[in-house]
């Protein structure tokens, strides 16, 4: 399990390695045909800032070679905000006083119909709070059953599950799983997640292994930018991705770098990442891993998302509602976080076409598995 592998990588030593990189290290990394972790460290270091244009060109060329002129579109469907966790930065924190919503199968179907009216989406991301009793595997299986007739590709972003439950869900129509580790800093992790099942660092971290063991088709990874030093966190994630690729080579992978947005919690970020730094990170990941899907959500601004469409990003959400039932059933429920890009799916698709790219609403079907 990766939790054992992570013990070999000291947080402070990794931070020191990043800050010690020089321009020569960056140039060496850019010359490599197959960059390694040390090269990735150079590319996200402050020393790489003057090389941003070179990195952007490389990222664009590599993305075009692997993905062509396409941007895959998906939409999230929040089906419950019930949660047993106390994450200090999240609007769904169990201590926040607001009505909790658990959509019924009939309401989930109404949401599916409402989403279909927004655009020809085929990629649906089903999101829940982490509540084993109200949103356990039985509930998730029923949600998949309801959503399957409406969408070709179903992904979940839910509490980490045992391997046998992931396997069960794949047999019920599940295609992918997204899980955010939030931070790889083992000690500080407990500060942000003081109670609830999410407070178990190892259980969450090893969830990716359990997904791979269950044969999940696509695994999405991410850290929450705003908690700890972002450069060190994403280096740990890059190590994690390399580990997973070696062991679960038949699985596809995606990465996401969500920057903190305002939420009901009122938590203020400890670290602020600029747009330029986010672009640097995106380019570095594309150069490091040519095949990984890089996703931007509606947390980011329309202008930034448009600018990054041709420079390394390969998938985006559109028309997102981050409140349960937000498309039809409960349009005024509490959002998990505030959305920045409020354009309609059609407007996002038009922006993609305006760049000479194709908006892909469906890129995989179980028939091809």
Protein backbone atom coordinates (compact mmCIF):
# COMPACT_ATOMS: atom_id res chain seq x y z
CA UNK A 1 0.00 0.00 0.00
CA UNK A 2 1.17 3.53 -0.73
CA UNK A 3 0.90 4.55 2.92
CA UNK A 4 4.01 2.43 3.53
CA UNK A 5 5.77 3.85 0.48
CA UNK A 6 5.06 7.41 1.63
CA UNK A 7 7.03 6.80 4.82
CA UNK A 8 10.17 6.78 2.66
CA UNK A 9 9.62 10.43 1.64
CA UNK A 10 10.18 13.07 4.29
CA UNK A 11 8.07 16.23 3.91
CA UNK A 12 10.77 18.70 4.99
CA UNK A 13 13.45 17.03 2.87
CA UNK A 14 11.18 17.17 -0.15
CA UNK A 15 10.49 20.87 0.45
CA UNK A 16 14.22 21.55 0.73
CA UNK A 17 14.88 19.64 -2.51
CA UNK A 18 12.30 21.75 -4.35
CA UNK A 19 13.72 25.03 -3.10
CA UNK A 20 17.29 24.02 -3.97
CA UNK A 21 16.62 23.53 -7.67
CA UNK A 22 18.47 25.78 -10.10
CA UNK A 23 18.00 26.98 -13.66
CA UNK A 24 20.40 24.25 -14.79
CA UNK A 25 18.16 21.62 -13.15
CA UNK A 26 15.14 23.02 -14.98
CA UNK A 27 16.92 22.95 -18.33
CA UNK A 28 18.00 19.36 -17.71
CA UNK A 29 14.41 18.40 -16.88
CA UNK A 30 13.13 20.03 -20.06
CA UNK A 31 15.66 18.09 -22.14
CA UNK A 32 14.60 14.68 -20.82
CA UNK A 33 12.57 12.38 -23.03
CA UNK A 34 11.13 10.64 -19.96
CA UNK A 35 11.25 13.01 -16.96
CA UNK A 36 11.39 11.47 -13.49
CA UNK A 37 10.30 12.71 -10.08
CA UNK A 38 13.46 14.80 -9.64
CA UNK A 39 12.73 16.50 -12.97
CA UNK A 40 9.14 17.14 -11.90
CA UNK A 41 10.47 18.76 -8.73
CA UNK A 42 12.61 21.08 -10.85
CA UNK A 43 9.67 22.02 -13.08
CA UNK A 44 7.43 23.07 -10.17
CA UNK A 45 10.23 24.87 -8.30
CA UNK A 46 10.60 28.66 -8.18
CA UNK A 47 13.63 28.21 -10.45
CA UNK A 48 11.28 27.19 -13.29
CA UNK A 49 9.26 30.43 -13.26
CA UNK A 50 11.35 32.07 -16.04
CA UNK A 51 10.77 29.00 -18.25
CA UNK A 52 6.99 29.20 -18.24
CA UNK A 53 6.64 29.96 -21.96
CA UNK A 54 8.91 27.05 -22.88
CA UNK A 55 6.95 24.76 -20.58
CA UNK A 56 3.66 25.97 -22.07
CA UNK A 57 4.81 25.14 -25.61
CA UNK A 58 5.96 21.68 -24.55
CA UNK A 59 2.73 21.05 -22.66
CA UNK A 60 0.65 22.12 -25.65
CA UNK A 61 2.61 19.90 -28.06
CA UNK A 62 2.44 16.87 -25.80
CA UNK A 63 -1.27 17.33 -25.18
CA UNK A 64 -2.04 17.67 -28.88
CA UNK A 65 -0.03 14.55 -29.61
CA UNK A 66 -1.83 12.47 -27.00
CA UNK A 67 -5.36 13.97 -26.88
CA UNK A 68 -5.76 15.99 -30.06
CA UNK A 69 -7.87 19.14 -30.10
CA UNK A 70 -10.47 17.90 -27.64
CA UNK A 71 -11.83 18.89 -24.23
CA UNK A 72 -13.95 16.31 -22.42
CA UNK A 73 -16.93 17.76 -20.54
CA UNK A 74 -18.56 16.35 -17.42
CA UNK A 75 -21.08 17.54 -14.87
CA UNK A 76 -21.33 16.81 -11.13
CA UNK A 77 -24.51 15.61 -9.47
CA UNK A 78 -24.56 16.08 -5.69
CA UNK A 79 -27.07 13.62 -4.22
CA UNK A 80 -26.55 14.24 -0.49
CA UNK A 81 -24.79 16.72 1.79
CA UNK A 82 -25.13 14.45 4.84
CA UNK A 83 -21.68 13.97 6.34
CA UNK A 84 -20.14 12.59 9.53
CA UNK A 85 -16.81 14.42 9.08
CA UNK A 86 -15.54 17.62 10.68
CA UNK A 87 -13.30 18.92 7.88
CA UNK A 88 -12.52 22.48 8.94
CA UNK A 89 -12.58 23.87 5.37
CA UNK A 90 -15.77 22.22 4.04
CA UNK A 91 -19.33 23.54 3.90
CA UNK A 92 -20.63 20.01 4.58
CA UNK A 93 -18.88 19.91 8.01
CA UNK A 94 -21.20 18.00 10.36
CA UNK A 95 -21.16 20.89 12.86
CA UNK A 96 -22.56 23.39 10.35
CA UNK A 97 -26.23 23.95 11.13
CA UNK A 98 -28.31 23.59 7.98
CA UNK A 99 -30.85 21.09 6.63
CA UNK A 100 -29.25 17.89 5.36
CA UNK A 101 -30.55 16.53 2.06
CA UNK A 102 -30.56 12.91 0.90
CA UNK A 103 -32.11 12.56 -2.52
CA UNK A 104 -34.50 9.69 -3.12
CA UNK A 105 -34.17 7.53 -6.24
CA UNK A 106 -37.07 9.45 -7.76
CA UNK A 107 -35.39 12.78 -7.05
CA UNK A 108 -32.08 11.51 -8.46
CA UNK A 109 -33.90 10.61 -11.66
CA UNK A 110 -35.46 14.08 -11.80
CA UNK A 111 -31.96 15.56 -11.48
CA UNK A 112 -30.73 13.34 -14.32
CA UNK A 113 -33.54 14.56 -16.56
CA UNK A 114 -32.78 18.19 -15.68
CA UNK A 115 -29.09 17.69 -16.50
CA UNK A 116 -29.94 16.13 -19.86
CA UNK A 117 -31.88 19.30 -20.68
CA UNK A 118 -28.74 21.38 -20.04
CA UNK A 119 -26.68 19.65 -22.73
CA UNK A 120 -25.74 16.28 -24.25
CA UNK A 121 -23.69 15.22 -21.22
CA UNK A 122 -22.66 11.57 -21.05
CA UNK A 123 -20.03 11.92 -18.29
CA UNK A 124 -21.66 12.23 -14.86
CA UNK A 125 -19.82 12.68 -11.56
CA UNK A 126 -21.96 11.55 -8.61
CA UNK A 127 -20.93 13.31 -5.38
CA UNK A 128 -21.93 12.72 -1.76
CA UNK A 129 -20.89 13.75 1.69
CA UNK A 130 -19.27 10.97 3.71
CA UNK A 131 -22.06 9.32 5.68
CA UNK A 132 -21.86 5.48 5.81
CA UNK A 133 -25.40 5.03 7.14
CA UNK A 134 -27.23 7.41 4.80
CA UNK A 135 -24.93 7.23 1.76
CA UNK A 136 -23.36 3.79 1.97
CA UNK A 137 -22.73 1.26 -0.75
CA UNK A 138 -26.40 0.22 -1.04
CA UNK A 139 -27.41 3.84 -1.63
CA UNK A 140 -24.61 4.37 -4.14
CA UNK A 141 -25.55 1.21 -6.02
CA UNK A 142 -29.13 2.38 -6.29
CA UNK A 143 -27.96 5.80 -7.52
CA UNK A 144 -25.87 4.15 -10.23
CA UNK A 145 -28.87 2.05 -11.27
CA UNK A 146 -31.03 5.17 -11.59
CA UNK A 147 -28.40 7.22 -13.48
CA UNK A 148 -27.20 4.53 -15.89
CA UNK A 149 -30.04 4.90 -18.46
CA UNK A 150 -29.25 8.60 -18.78
CA UNK A 151 -25.43 8.60 -18.93
CA UNK A 152 -22.78 6.41 -20.54
CA UNK A 153 -19.98 7.16 -18.09
CA UNK A 154 -20.56 7.20 -14.33
CA UNK A 155 -17.92 8.35 -11.83
CA UNK A 156 -18.31 8.72 -8.07
CA UNK A 157 -16.68 11.08 -5.57
CA UNK A 158 -17.67 9.58 -2.22
CA UNK A 159 -16.16 8.21 0.98
CA UNK A 160 -13.31 5.70 0.48
CA UNK A 161 -14.66 2.15 0.29
CA UNK A 162 -13.33 -1.39 0.79
CA UNK A 163 -12.03 -3.06 -2.35
CA UNK A 164 -14.96 -5.47 -2.46
CA UNK A 165 -17.41 -2.56 -2.47
CA UNK A 166 -15.60 -0.89 -5.38
CA UNK A 167 -15.78 -4.22 -7.23
CA UNK A 168 -19.49 -4.49 -6.46
CA UNK A 169 -20.13 -1.00 -7.79
CA UNK A 170 -18.14 -1.61 -10.99
CA UNK A 171 -20.51 -4.52 -11.62
CA UNK A 172 -23.40 -2.09 -11.12
CA UNK A 173 -22.27 0.39 -13.77
CA UNK A 174 -19.45 2.32 -12.11
CA UNK A 175 -16.70 3.50 -14.47
CA UNK A 176 -14.49 5.75 -12.35
CA UNK A 177 -13.71 7.04 -8.87
CA UNK A 178 -12.43 10.49 -7.86
CA UNK A 179 -10.86 10.93 -4.43
CA UNK A 180 -9.01 13.96 -3.09
CA UNK A 181 -6.32 13.17 -0.56
CA UNK A 182 -6.53 16.89 0.36
CA UNK A 183 -2.95 16.87 1.72
CA UNK A 184 -0.16 14.30 1.95
CA UNK A 185 1.23 15.92 5.11
CA UNK A 186 0.50 13.11 7.58
CA UNK A 187 0.66 15.20 10.77
CA UNK A 188 -1.12 18.30 9.48
CA UNK A 189 -3.82 16.13 7.87
CA UNK A 190 -5.23 15.46 11.34
CA UNK A 191 -5.53 19.19 12.01
CA UNK A 192 -7.84 19.64 9.02
CA UNK A 193 -9.76 16.40 9.61
CA UNK A 194 -10.12 16.16 13.40
CA UNK A 195 -13.07 13.74 13.53
CA UNK A 196 -15.10 11.37 11.43
CA UNK A 197 -14.00 8.56 9.15
CA UNK A 198 -12.00 11.01 7.04
CA UNK A 199 -9.63 11.57 9.97
CA UNK A 200 -8.03 8.17 9.18
CA UNK A 201 -5.12 9.25 6.96
CA UNK A 202 -4.00 5.74 5.98
CA UNK A 203 -7.48 4.50 5.10
CA UNK A 204 -8.00 7.39 2.72
CA UNK A 205 -4.52 7.22 1.21
CA UNK A 206 -4.71 3.47 0.56
CA UNK A 207 -8.13 3.83 -1.02
CA UNK A 208 -6.45 4.30 -4.39
CA UNK A 209 -4.83 0.87 -4.04
CA UNK A 210 -8.23 -0.61 -3.26
CA UNK A 211 -9.67 1.02 -6.38
CA UNK A 212 -6.88 -0.44 -8.48
CA UNK A 213 -7.33 -3.89 -6.94
CA UNK A 214 -11.04 -3.74 -7.82
CA UNK A 215 -10.27 -2.93 -11.45
CA UNK A 216 -11.83 0.55 -11.47
CA UNK A 217 -11.50 1.84 -15.04
CA UNK A 218 -10.39 5.38 -14.16
CA UNK A 219 -9.00 6.85 -10.93
CA UNK A 220 -8.98 10.59 -10.24
CA UNK A 221 -6.49 12.11 -7.79
CA UNK A 222 -6.06 15.53 -6.26
CA UNK A 223 -4.81 17.70 -3.43
CA UNK A 224 -6.63 20.74 -2.09
CA UNK A 225 -4.52 23.81 -2.79
CA UNK A 226 -4.64 26.09 0.23
CA UNK A 227 -3.84 23.74 3.10
CA UNK A 228 -0.10 23.08 2.98
CA UNK A 229 2.83 24.04 0.72
CA UNK A 230 1.44 23.21 -2.69
CA UNK A 231 4.76 22.29 -4.26
CA UNK A 232 5.49 19.62 -1.67
CA UNK A 233 1.94 18.29 -1.76
CA UNK A 234 1.87 17.87 -5.54
CA UNK A 235 5.30 16.23 -5.47
CA UNK A 236 3.89 13.60 -3.12
CA UNK A 237 0.94 13.20 -5.48
CA UNK A 238 3.30 12.77 -8.44
CA UNK A 239 5.10 10.02 -6.51
CA UNK A 240 1.73 8.45 -5.75
CA UNK A 241 0.70 8.56 -9.42
CA UNK A 242 3.94 6.92 -10.50
CA UNK A 243 3.42 4.19 -7.89
CA UNK A 244 -0.16 3.54 -9.06
CA UNK A 245 0.77 3.45 -12.75
CA UNK A 246 3.37 0.77 -12.06
CA UNK A 247 0.94 -1.46 -10.16
CA UNK A 248 -2.36 -0.84 -11.94
CA UNK A 249 -1.16 -0.28 -15.46
CA UNK A 250 -4.54 -1.06 -17.05
CA UNK A 251 -6.18 1.83 -15.20
CA UNK A 252 -6.54 5.37 -16.54
CA UNK A 253 -5.66 8.28 -14.27
CA UNK A 254 -6.62 11.92 -13.91
CA UNK A 255 -5.33 14.73 -11.69
CA UNK A 256 -6.97 17.86 -10.39
CA UNK A 257 -5.56 20.80 -8.44
CA UNK A 258 -8.60 22.53 -6.86
CA UNK A 259 -7.84 25.86 -5.25
CA UNK A 260 -9.89 26.66 -2.19
CA UNK A 261 -13.10 28.56 -2.79
CA UNK A 262 -15.39 30.26 -0.23
CA UNK A 263 -17.64 27.86 1.70
CA UNK A 264 -19.96 27.86 4.70
CA UNK A 265 -17.01 26.90 6.92
CA UNK A 266 -15.36 30.32 6.62
CA UNK A 267 -11.93 28.67 6.58
CA UNK A 268 -9.19 30.87 5.12
CA UNK A 269 -6.44 29.24 3.00
CA UNK A 270 -3.00 28.91 4.55
CA UNK A 271 -1.44 29.04 1.09
CA UNK A 272 -2.54 31.03 -1.95
CA UNK A 273 -1.57 29.82 -5.41
CA UNK A 274 -1.51 32.40 -8.21
CA UNK A 275 -2.89 31.74 -11.69
CA UNK A 276 0.66 31.70 -13.00
CA UNK A 277 1.66 29.05 -10.47
CA UNK A 278 -1.37 26.93 -11.35
CA UNK A 279 -0.35 27.12 -15.00
CA UNK A 280 3.22 26.12 -14.08
CA UNK A 281 1.92 23.11 -12.18
CA UNK A 282 -0.32 22.10 -15.08
CA UNK A 283 2.55 22.26 -17.56
CA UNK A 284 4.84 20.34 -15.21
CA UNK A 285 2.34 17.51 -14.81
CA UNK A 286 1.81 17.24 -18.56
CA UNK A 287 5.56 17.09 -19.20
CA UNK A 288 5.98 14.56 -16.38
CA UNK A 289 3.07 12.33 -17.47
CA UNK A 290 2.00 12.72 -21.10
CA UNK A 291 -1.05 10.47 -20.73
CA UNK A 292 -2.69 11.75 -17.55
CA UNK A 293 -6.03 13.52 -17.86
CA UNK A 294 -5.74 17.02 -16.34
CA UNK A 295 -9.04 18.42 -15.13
CA UNK A 296 -10.17 21.93 -14.18
CA UNK A 297 -13.48 22.41 -12.39
CA UNK A 298 -15.79 25.42 -12.24
CA UNK A 299 -13.84 26.55 -9.15
CA UNK A 300 -11.62 28.35 -11.66
CA UNK A 301 -12.52 31.52 -13.56
CA UNK A 302 -13.84 31.47 -17.14
CA UNK A 303 -10.80 33.35 -18.47
CA UNK A 304 -8.29 31.00 -16.87
CA UNK A 305 -10.15 27.91 -18.03
CA UNK A 306 -10.37 29.26 -21.56
CA UNK A 307 -6.65 30.09 -21.63
CA UNK A 308 -5.67 26.62 -20.38
CA UNK A 309 -7.85 24.69 -22.82
CA UNK A 310 -5.09 24.60 -25.42
CA UNK A 311 -2.15 24.35 -23.04
CA UNK A 312 -2.56 21.07 -21.18
CA UNK A 313 -6.04 20.74 -19.67
CA UNK A 314 -8.06 17.89 -21.17
CA UNK A 315 -11.33 17.80 -19.19
CA UNK A 316 -13.62 20.32 -17.53
CA UNK A 317 -16.88 20.46 -15.66
CA UNK A 318 -19.60 22.77 -16.94
CA UNK A 319 -22.89 24.08 -15.61
CA UNK A 320 -22.01 22.78 -12.14
CA UNK A 321 -24.28 22.93 -9.10
CA UNK A 322 -22.50 21.96 -5.88
CA UNK A 323 -25.66 21.66 -3.80
CA UNK A 324 -27.70 18.43 -3.59
CA UNK A 325 -30.64 18.58 -5.95
CA UNK A 326 -29.41 21.88 -7.33
CA UNK A 327 -30.54 21.28 -10.91
CA UNK A 328 -34.21 20.65 -10.11
CA UNK A 329 -35.19 19.37 -6.66
CA UNK A 330 -33.60 21.79 -4.18
CA UNK A 331 -32.18 24.75 -6.11
CA UNK A 332 -31.49 26.67 -2.89
CA UNK A 333 -29.68 23.96 -0.87
CA UNK A 334 -26.26 24.66 0.66
CA UNK A 335 -23.35 24.54 -1.78
CA UNK A 336 -20.21 22.65 -0.84
CA UNK A 337 -18.20 25.55 -2.28
CA UNK A 338 -18.85 28.62 -4.42
CA UNK A 339 -18.62 28.21 -8.20
CA UNK A 340 -16.51 30.70 -10.16
CA UNK A 341 -17.34 29.79 -13.78
CA UNK A 342 -21.12 30.18 -13.95
CA UNK A 343 -21.42 29.83 -17.72
CA UNK A 344 -23.95 27.37 -19.13
CA UNK A 345 -22.69 24.12 -20.68
CA UNK A 346 -23.53 25.54 -24.09
CA UNK A 347 -21.43 28.64 -23.45
CA UNK A 348 -18.48 26.53 -22.32
CA UNK A 349 -18.82 24.33 -25.42
CA UNK A 350 -18.90 27.45 -27.60
CA UNK A 351 -15.70 28.73 -25.98
CA UNK A 352 -14.07 25.39 -26.75
CA UNK A 353 -15.17 25.54 -30.38
CA UNK A 354 -13.95 29.12 -30.57
CA UNK A 355 -10.43 27.85 -29.97
CA UNK A 356 -10.74 25.35 -32.78
CA UNK A 357 -11.23 22.49 -30.35
CA UNK A 358 -13.99 19.90 -30.06
CA UNK A 359 -16.18 19.55 -26.98
CA UNK A 360 -16.39 15.84 -26.22
CA UNK A 361 -19.49 14.90 -24.28
CA UNK A 362 -18.75 11.17 -24.30
CA UNK A 363 -15.31 9.56 -24.60
CA UNK A 364 -15.77 6.03 -23.29
CA UNK A 365 -18.41 3.34 -23.04
CA UNK A 366 -18.43 0.03 -21.21
CA UNK A 367 -18.89 -1.71 -24.55
CA UNK A 368 -15.24 -0.86 -25.30
CA UNK A 369 -13.93 -2.38 -22.06
